[in-house]
Amino acid sequence: MNYPYEAVSIDFFDTAPVKFINKVEINCSPESIFNVFEDGSAWPKWYSEIKEVNWTSPTPFGVGTTRTILFNTTTINEKFICWEPAKRCSFYFESASAPLAAAFAEDYQLIDNGNGTTTFIYTVALRSATELMDEDVFSQVFEKATTSLKVYMESIS
């Protein structure tokens, strides 16, 4: 079964009732990190919950691009609402095989520190569909992904 999610705009990262924000400094350029974001085969190497990423739009990617993410138990269809190479990309869930939230979006910001390092800010914003959602579990997953991206990028740089 496929559950629809609310379409959101970039403003959702300011207005969402639930937000998780993680930040880390990575010893590599924002261009290198963004290249990994564009490489579907790289995601499972640093985001352990992801098993497969399939871009469903042709290159070049941009606003409106879509992709499907396969997790262990869930498949998610995403649509990009921001695409600024080497700076920022953001998407929301269009639908998923599980009703994780009413609205769910992720924002990946890269800030060039000018000294060979990049600050990565990973924001997840959502509107819960139920009060049964375990925010602590979500928080741990997003924090782990942030740290794992740093470890992965520094291992290949």
Protein backbone atom coordinates (compact mmCIF):
# COMPACT_ATOMS: atom_id res chain seq x y z
CA MET A 1 0.00 0.00 0.00
CA ASN A 2 1.16 3.53 -0.74
CA TYR A 3 0.31 6.33 1.72
CA PRO A 4 0.23 9.91 0.41
CA TYR A 5 2.00 12.70 2.32
CA GLU A 6 1.30 16.42 2.31
CA ALA A 7 3.27 18.43 -0.26
CA VAL A 8 5.30 21.15 1.47
CA SER A 9 7.40 24.13 0.42
CA ILE A 10 10.82 25.22 1.63
CA ASP A 11 9.03 27.31 4.32
CA PHE A 12 8.08 24.08 6.08
CA PHE A 13 11.58 23.96 7.61
CA ASP A 14 10.64 27.14 9.51
CA THR A 15 7.05 26.24 10.40
CA ALA A 16 7.01 22.48 11.02
CA PRO A 17 5.82 21.47 14.49
CA VAL A 18 8.59 18.87 14.84
CA LYS A 19 12.20 19.47 13.75
CA PHE A 20 15.45 17.60 14.17
CA ILE A 21 18.60 19.60 13.42
CA ASN A 22 22.07 18.08 13.35
CA LYS A 23 25.30 19.83 12.42
CA VAL A 24 28.85 18.60 11.81
CA GLU A 25 32.07 19.95 10.32
CA ILE A 26 33.50 17.74 7.56
CA ASN A 27 37.08 17.90 6.28
CA CYS A 28 36.29 18.22 2.57
CA SER A 29 34.73 20.58 0.07
CA PRO A 30 30.99 21.17 -0.33
CA GLU A 31 31.35 20.08 -3.98
CA SER A 32 32.63 16.67 -2.89
CA ILE A 33 29.76 16.21 -0.46
CA PHE A 34 27.15 17.30 -3.00
CA ASN A 35 28.60 14.81 -5.51
CA VAL A 36 27.90 12.08 -2.96
CA PHE A 37 24.33 13.39 -2.55
CA GLU A 38 23.86 13.05 -6.34
CA ASP A 39 25.30 9.52 -6.43
CA GLY A 40 22.52 7.06 -5.64
CA SER A 41 24.99 4.23 -5.07
CA ALA A 42 26.80 6.24 -2.35
CA TRP A 43 23.83 6.71 -0.01
CA PRO A 44 23.81 3.17 1.46
CA LYS A 45 27.54 3.53 2.18
CA TRP A 46 26.97 6.32 4.71
CA TYR A 47 23.26 6.22 5.60
CA SER A 48 22.98 2.68 6.96
CA GLU A 49 19.16 2.60 7.01
CA ILE A 50 19.07 3.17 3.23
CA LYS A 51 19.35 0.07 1.10
CA GLU A 52 18.90 1.59 -2.37
CA VAL A 53 18.39 4.97 -4.06
CA ASN A 54 16.80 5.16 -7.50
CA TRP A 55 16.58 8.51 -9.26
CA THR A 56 13.28 8.55 -11.17
CA SER A 57 14.02 11.81 -13.00
CA PRO A 58 16.70 12.29 -15.65
CA THR A 59 19.78 14.41 -15.12
CA PRO A 60 20.44 17.20 -14.70
CA PHE A 61 18.75 17.10 -11.31
CA GLY A 62 16.95 20.15 -9.95
CA VAL A 63 13.75 21.40 -8.36
CA GLY A 64 11.03 18.88 -9.23
CA THR A 65 13.44 15.92 -9.45
CA THR A 66 12.07 12.71 -7.96
CA ARG A 67 13.62 9.59 -6.53
CA THR A 68 12.63 6.44 -4.66
CA ILE A 69 14.42 5.32 -1.51
CA LEU A 70 14.30 1.72 -0.30
CA PHE A 71 14.81 1.19 3.42
CA ASN A 72 14.71 -2.15 5.25
CA THR A 73 10.94 -2.05 5.72
CA THR A 74 9.75 1.07 3.89
CA THR A 75 9.84 2.53 0.39
CA ILE A 76 9.65 6.32 0.09
CA ASN A 77 8.98 8.50 -2.96
CA GLU A 78 10.58 11.94 -2.69
CA LYS A 79 10.31 15.21 -4.61
CA PHE A 80 12.97 17.93 -4.49
CA ILE A 81 11.89 21.48 -3.62
CA CYS A 82 15.38 23.02 -3.52
CA TRP A 83 18.48 22.21 -5.57
CA GLU A 84 21.55 24.43 -5.29
CA PRO A 85 24.67 22.42 -6.25
CA ALA A 86 27.36 22.42 -3.55
CA LYS A 87 25.06 24.46 -1.27
CA ARG A 88 21.68 22.95 -0.54
CA CYS A 89 19.11 20.37 -1.51
CA SER A 90 15.73 19.71 0.08
CA PHE A 91 12.89 17.32 -0.56
CA TYR A 92 9.61 16.11 0.86
CA PHE A 93 7.98 12.70 0.93
CA GLU A 94 5.31 12.44 -1.75
CA SER A 95 4.28 8.98 -0.58
CA ALA A 96 5.58 5.95 1.28
CA SER A 97 4.71 2.35 1.99
CA ALA A 98 4.17 3.28 5.66
CA PRO A 99 2.32 6.22 7.26
CA LEU A 100 5.33 7.68 9.11
CA ALA A 101 3.93 11.23 9.27
CA ALA A 102 1.36 13.53 7.69
CA ALA A 103 4.18 15.65 6.18
CA PHE A 104 7.90 14.89 6.14
CA ALA A 105 10.78 16.86 4.60
CA GLU A 106 14.58 16.89 4.74
CA ASP A 107 17.04 19.72 4.15
CA TYR A 108 20.77 19.27 3.46
CA GLN A 109 22.76 22.51 3.75
CA LEU A 110 26.48 22.82 3.04
CA ILE A 111 28.43 25.85 4.23
CA ASP A 112 31.94 26.32 2.85
CA ASN A 113 34.10 27.36 5.79
CA GLY A 114 36.88 28.54 3.47
CA ASN A 115 39.54 26.44 5.15
CA GLY A 116 39.01 23.10 3.40
CA THR A 117 36.11 22.18 5.67
CA THR A 118 32.36 22.25 5.21
CA THR A 119 29.63 22.58 7.80
CA PHE A 120 26.81 20.14 7.05
CA ILE A 121 23.43 21.04 8.55
CA TYR A 122 20.86 18.25 8.31
CA THR A 123 17.30 19.27 9.15
CA VAL A 124 14.32 16.97 9.22
CA ALA A 125 10.91 18.60 9.59
CA LEU A 126 7.62 16.82 10.02
CA ARG A 127 4.02 16.99 11.03
CA SER A 128 3.08 13.84 12.82
CA ALA A 129 0.04 11.86 11.80
CA THR A 130 -0.12 10.22 15.21
CA GLU A 131 0.99 10.85 18.77
CA LEU A 132 2.49 7.36 18.82
CA MET A 133 5.55 8.47 16.83
CA ASP A 134 8.73 7.88 18.82
CA GLU A 135 10.70 11.11 18.35
CA ASP A 136 13.70 9.68 20.22
CA VAL A 137 14.10 6.90 17.64
CA PHE A 138 13.90 9.39 14.77
CA SER A 139 16.39 11.69 16.51
CA GLN A 140 18.93 8.87 16.91
CA VAL A 141 18.65 7.86 13.25
CA PHE A 142 19.23 11.42 11.99
CA GLU A 143 22.12 12.06 14.38
CA LYS A 144 23.77 8.81 13.30
CA ALA A 145 23.37 9.72 9.61
CA THR A 146 25.02 13.09 10.19
CA THR A 147 28.02 11.52 11.91
CA SER A 148 28.21 8.73 9.34
CA LEU A 149 28.38 11.22 6.46
CA LYS A 150 31.40 12.87 8.12
CA VAL A 151 33.16 9.52 8.61
CA TYR A 152 32.40 8.42 5.04
CA MET A 153 33.48 11.68 3.40
CA GLU A 154 36.72 11.85 5.35
CA SER A 155 37.49 8.23 4.48
CA ILE A 156 37.21 8.85 0.72
CA SER A 157 38.78 12.33 0.61
